[in-house]
Amino acid sequence: MSEQIQRELAQLIRRELSDPRVALATVSEVRLSRDMAYADVLVTRLGAQREESQQAVAALNHAARHLRGLLGQSLRLRAVPALRFHYDDSFERSARVSHLIDAAVAEDKARHRD
């Protein structure tokens, strides 16, 4: 169900919202609560600064009730989870870890070269 909500939300955001802050917003994951009362939606804006992505999240949270209604119509659900949008920093964390690994490998090569 979370994947279906993710796909539909991505389309709804592109089609239904005209706020420039949500342009290029990507829904990277949807996590449903056990009782399906809440959907935590992780969002990022590829190529955007962290602050721009956080502004997109704020705009999406502002539009959450509207998106919830549209989601219920398009998926024909009786009970639609409340949407809570969050900034997804997993791409940044992955890039930092990759950079640290590259730096450690380069340092190790330099150390063993001597």
C-alpha atoms as a PDB file:
ATOM      1  CA  MET A   1       0.000   0.000   0.000  1.00  0.00           C
ATOM      2  CA  SER A   2       2.839   2.416   0.815  1.00  0.00           C
ATOM      3  CA  GLU A   3       4.301   2.015  -2.692  1.00  0.00           C
ATOM      4  CA  GLN A   4       0.935   2.733  -4.255  1.00  0.00           C
ATOM      5  CA  ILE A   5       0.561   5.855  -2.108  1.00  0.00           C
ATOM      6  CA  GLN A   6       4.110   6.904  -3.023  1.00  0.00           C
ATOM      7  CA  ARG A   7       3.439   6.623  -6.772  1.00  0.00           C
ATOM      8  CA  GLU A   8       0.112   8.415  -6.573  1.00  0.00           C
ATOM      9  CA  LEU A   9       1.422  11.212  -4.346  1.00  0.00           C
ATOM     10  CA  ALA A  10       4.310  11.848  -6.740  1.00  0.00           C
ATOM     11  CA  GLN A  11       1.827  12.291  -9.581  1.00  0.00           C
ATOM     12  CA  LEU A  12      -0.547  14.440  -7.535  1.00  0.00           C
ATOM     13  CA  ILE A  13       2.254  16.762  -6.445  1.00  0.00           C
ATOM     14  CA  ARG A  14       3.314  17.279 -10.062  1.00  0.00           C
ATOM     15  CA  ARG A  15      -0.218  17.680 -11.429  1.00  0.00           C
ATOM     16  CA  GLU A  16      -2.125  19.466  -8.690  1.00  0.00           C
ATOM     17  CA  LEU A  17       0.299  21.785  -6.894  1.00  0.00           C
ATOM     18  CA  SER A  18       1.480  24.990  -8.506  1.00  0.00           C
ATOM     19  CA  ASP A  19       3.726  26.107  -5.635  1.00  0.00           C
ATOM     20  CA  PRO A  20       7.227  26.635  -7.102  1.00  0.00           C
ATOM     21  CA  ARG A  21       8.782  25.387  -3.855  1.00  0.00           C
ATOM     22  CA  VAL A  22       7.581  21.856  -4.629  1.00  0.00           C
ATOM     23  CA  ALA A  23       8.864  21.841  -8.196  1.00  0.00           C
ATOM     24  CA  LEU A  24      11.262  18.920  -8.655  1.00  0.00           C
ATOM     25  CA  ALA A  25      10.237  17.444  -5.300  1.00  0.00           C
ATOM     26  CA  THR A  26      10.750  13.692  -5.209  1.00  0.00           C
ATOM     27  CA  VAL A  27       8.823  11.361  -2.928  1.00  0.00           C
ATOM     28  CA  SER A  28      11.526   8.899  -1.927  1.00  0.00           C
ATOM     29  CA  GLU A  29       9.598   6.777   0.564  1.00  0.00           C
ATOM     30  CA  VAL A  30       6.261   6.437   2.337  1.00  0.00           C
ATOM     31  CA  ARG A  31       6.089   4.791   5.761  1.00  0.00           C
ATOM     32  CA  LEU A  32       2.640   3.817   6.976  1.00  0.00           C
ATOM     33  CA  SER A  33       1.800   3.472  10.650  1.00  0.00           C
ATOM     34  CA  ARG A  34       0.553   0.032  11.704  1.00  0.00           C
ATOM     35  CA  ASP A  35      -3.029   1.226  11.924  1.00  0.00           C
ATOM     36  CA  MET A  36      -2.630   3.110   8.614  1.00  0.00           C
ATOM     37  CA  ALA A  37      -3.757   6.321  10.301  1.00  0.00           C
ATOM     38  CA  TYR A  38      -0.569   8.166   9.321  1.00  0.00           C
ATOM     39  CA  ALA A  39       1.737   8.175   6.347  1.00  0.00           C
ATOM     40  CA  ASP A  40       5.183   9.662   6.878  1.00  0.00           C
ATOM     41  CA  VAL A  41       6.298  10.837   3.454  1.00  0.00           C
ATOM     42  CA  LEU A  42      10.024  11.351   2.889  1.00  0.00           C
ATOM     43  CA  VAL A  43      10.786  14.025   0.307  1.00  0.00           C
ATOM     44  CA  THR A  44      13.881  15.459  -1.296  1.00  0.00           C
ATOM     45  CA  ARG A  45      14.618  17.872  -4.118  1.00  0.00           C
ATOM     46  CA  LEU A  46      17.435  16.569  -6.247  1.00  0.00           C
ATOM     47  CA  GLY A  47      20.069  19.182  -6.891  1.00  0.00           C
ATOM     48  CA  ALA A  48      18.609  21.549  -4.302  1.00  0.00           C
ATOM     49  CA  GLN A  49      20.205  22.919  -1.189  1.00  0.00           C
ATOM     50  CA  ARG A  50      18.974  21.545   2.136  1.00  0.00           C
ATOM     51  CA  GLU A  51      17.105  24.791   2.891  1.00  0.00           C
ATOM     52  CA  GLU A  52      15.236  24.626  -0.436  1.00  0.00           C
ATOM     53  CA  SER A  53      14.247  21.036   0.273  1.00  0.00           C
ATOM     54  CA  GLN A  54      13.011  22.007   3.725  1.00  0.00           C
ATOM     55  CA  GLN A  55      10.929  24.796   2.172  1.00  0.00           C
ATOM     56  CA  ALA A  56       9.411  22.208  -0.163  1.00  0.00           C
ATOM     57  CA  VAL A  57       8.561  20.031   2.848  1.00  0.00           C
ATOM     58  CA  ALA A  58       6.898  23.002   4.563  1.00  0.00           C
ATOM     59  CA  ALA A  59       4.838  23.713   1.436  1.00  0.00           C
ATOM     60  CA  LEU A  60       3.820  20.058   1.183  1.00  0.00           C
ATOM     61  CA  ASN A  61       2.785  19.949   4.838  1.00  0.00           C
ATOM     62  CA  HIS A  62       0.691  23.050   4.188  1.00  0.00           C
ATOM     63  CA  ALA A  63      -1.016  21.226   1.285  1.00  0.00           C
ATOM     64  CA  ALA A  64      -1.269  17.882   3.123  1.00  0.00           C
ATOM     65  CA  ARG A  65      -5.037  18.014   3.740  1.00  0.00           C
ATOM     66  CA  HIS A  66      -5.698  18.864   0.096  1.00  0.00           C
ATOM     67  CA  LEU A  67      -3.389  16.081  -1.084  1.00  0.00           C
ATOM     68  CA  ARG A  68      -5.025  13.645   1.332  1.00  0.00           C
ATOM     69  CA  GLY A  69      -8.431  14.366  -0.186  1.00  0.00           C
ATOM     70  CA  LEU A  70      -7.121  13.922  -3.719  1.00  0.00           C
ATOM     71  CA  LEU A  71      -5.361  10.730  -2.702  1.00  0.00           C
ATOM     72  CA  GLY A  72      -8.592   9.309  -1.318  1.00  0.00           C
ATOM     73  CA  GLN A  73     -10.398  10.086  -4.569  1.00  0.00           C
ATOM     74  CA  SER A  74      -7.739   8.649  -6.849  1.00  0.00           C
ATOM     75  CA  LEU A  75      -7.095   5.482  -4.830  1.00  0.00           C
ATOM     76  CA  ARG A  76     -10.747   5.095  -3.774  1.00  0.00           C
ATOM     77  CA  LEU A  77      -9.868   4.520  -0.149  1.00  0.00           C
ATOM     78  CA  ARG A  78     -12.415   4.844   2.628  1.00  0.00           C
ATOM     79  CA  ALA A  79      -9.781   5.638   5.220  1.00  0.00           C
ATOM     80  CA  VAL A  80      -6.916   7.749   3.926  1.00  0.00           C
ATOM     81  CA  PRO A  81      -3.899   8.179   6.202  1.00  0.00           C
ATOM     82  CA  ALA A  82      -2.994  11.662   7.399  1.00  0.00           C
ATOM     83  CA  LEU A  83       0.058  12.823   5.469  1.00  0.00           C
ATOM     84  CA  ARG A  84       3.144  14.075   7.287  1.00  0.00           C
ATOM     85  CA  PHE A  85       5.968  15.215   5.035  1.00  0.00           C
ATOM     86  CA  HIS A  86       9.607  15.041   6.152  1.00  0.00           C
ATOM     87  CA  TYR A  87      12.920  15.985   4.576  1.00  0.00           C
ATOM     88  CA  ASP A  88      14.837  12.895   3.424  1.00  0.00           C
ATOM     89  CA  ASP A  89      18.535  13.389   4.064  1.00  0.00           C
ATOM     90  CA  SER A  90      19.558   9.823   3.169  1.00  0.00           C
ATOM     91  CA  PHE A  91      21.162  10.993  -0.089  1.00  0.00           C
ATOM     92  CA  GLU A  92      23.319  13.486   1.811  1.00  0.00           C
ATOM     93  CA  ARG A  93      24.291  10.856   4.388  1.00  0.00           C
ATOM     94  CA  SER A  94      25.204   8.399   1.630  1.00  0.00           C
ATOM     95  CA  ALA A  95      27.360  11.007  -0.088  1.00  0.00           C
ATOM     96  CA  ARG A  96      29.153  11.820   3.196  1.00  0.00           C
ATOM     97  CA  VAL A  97      29.840   8.143   3.904  1.00  0.00           C
ATOM     98  CA  SER A  98      31.088   7.625   0.354  1.00  0.00           C
ATOM     99  CA  HIS A  99      33.377  10.645   0.696  1.00  0.00           C
ATOM    100  CA  LEU A 100      34.757   9.339   4.010  1.00  0.00           C
ATOM    101  CA  ILE A 101      35.427   5.924   2.476  1.00  0.00           C
ATOM    102  CA  ASP A 102      37.185   7.490  -0.528  1.00  0.00           C
ATOM    103  CA  ALA A 103      39.310   9.642   1.788  1.00  0.00           C
ATOM    104  CA  ALA A 104      40.242   6.632   3.940  1.00  0.00           C
ATOM    105  CA  VAL A 105      41.208   4.576   0.872  1.00  0.00           C
ATOM    106  CA  ALA A 106      43.315   7.432  -0.511  1.00  0.00           C
ATOM    107  CA  GLU A 107      45.030   7.892   2.861  1.00  0.00           C
ATOM    108  CA  ASP A 108      45.690   4.154   3.118  1.00  0.00           C
ATOM    109  CA  LYS A 109      47.197   4.070  -0.389  1.00  0.00           C
ATOM    110  CA  ALA A 110      49.422   7.054   0.407  1.00  0.00           C
ATOM    111  CA  ARG A 111      50.555   5.449   3.649  1.00  0.00           C
ATOM    112  CA  HIS A 112      51.432   2.127   2.002  1.00  0.00           C
ATOM    113  CA  ARG A 113      53.160   3.742  -0.955  1.00  0.00           C
ATOM    114  CA  ASP A 114      56.115   4.750   1.216  1.00  0.00           C
END
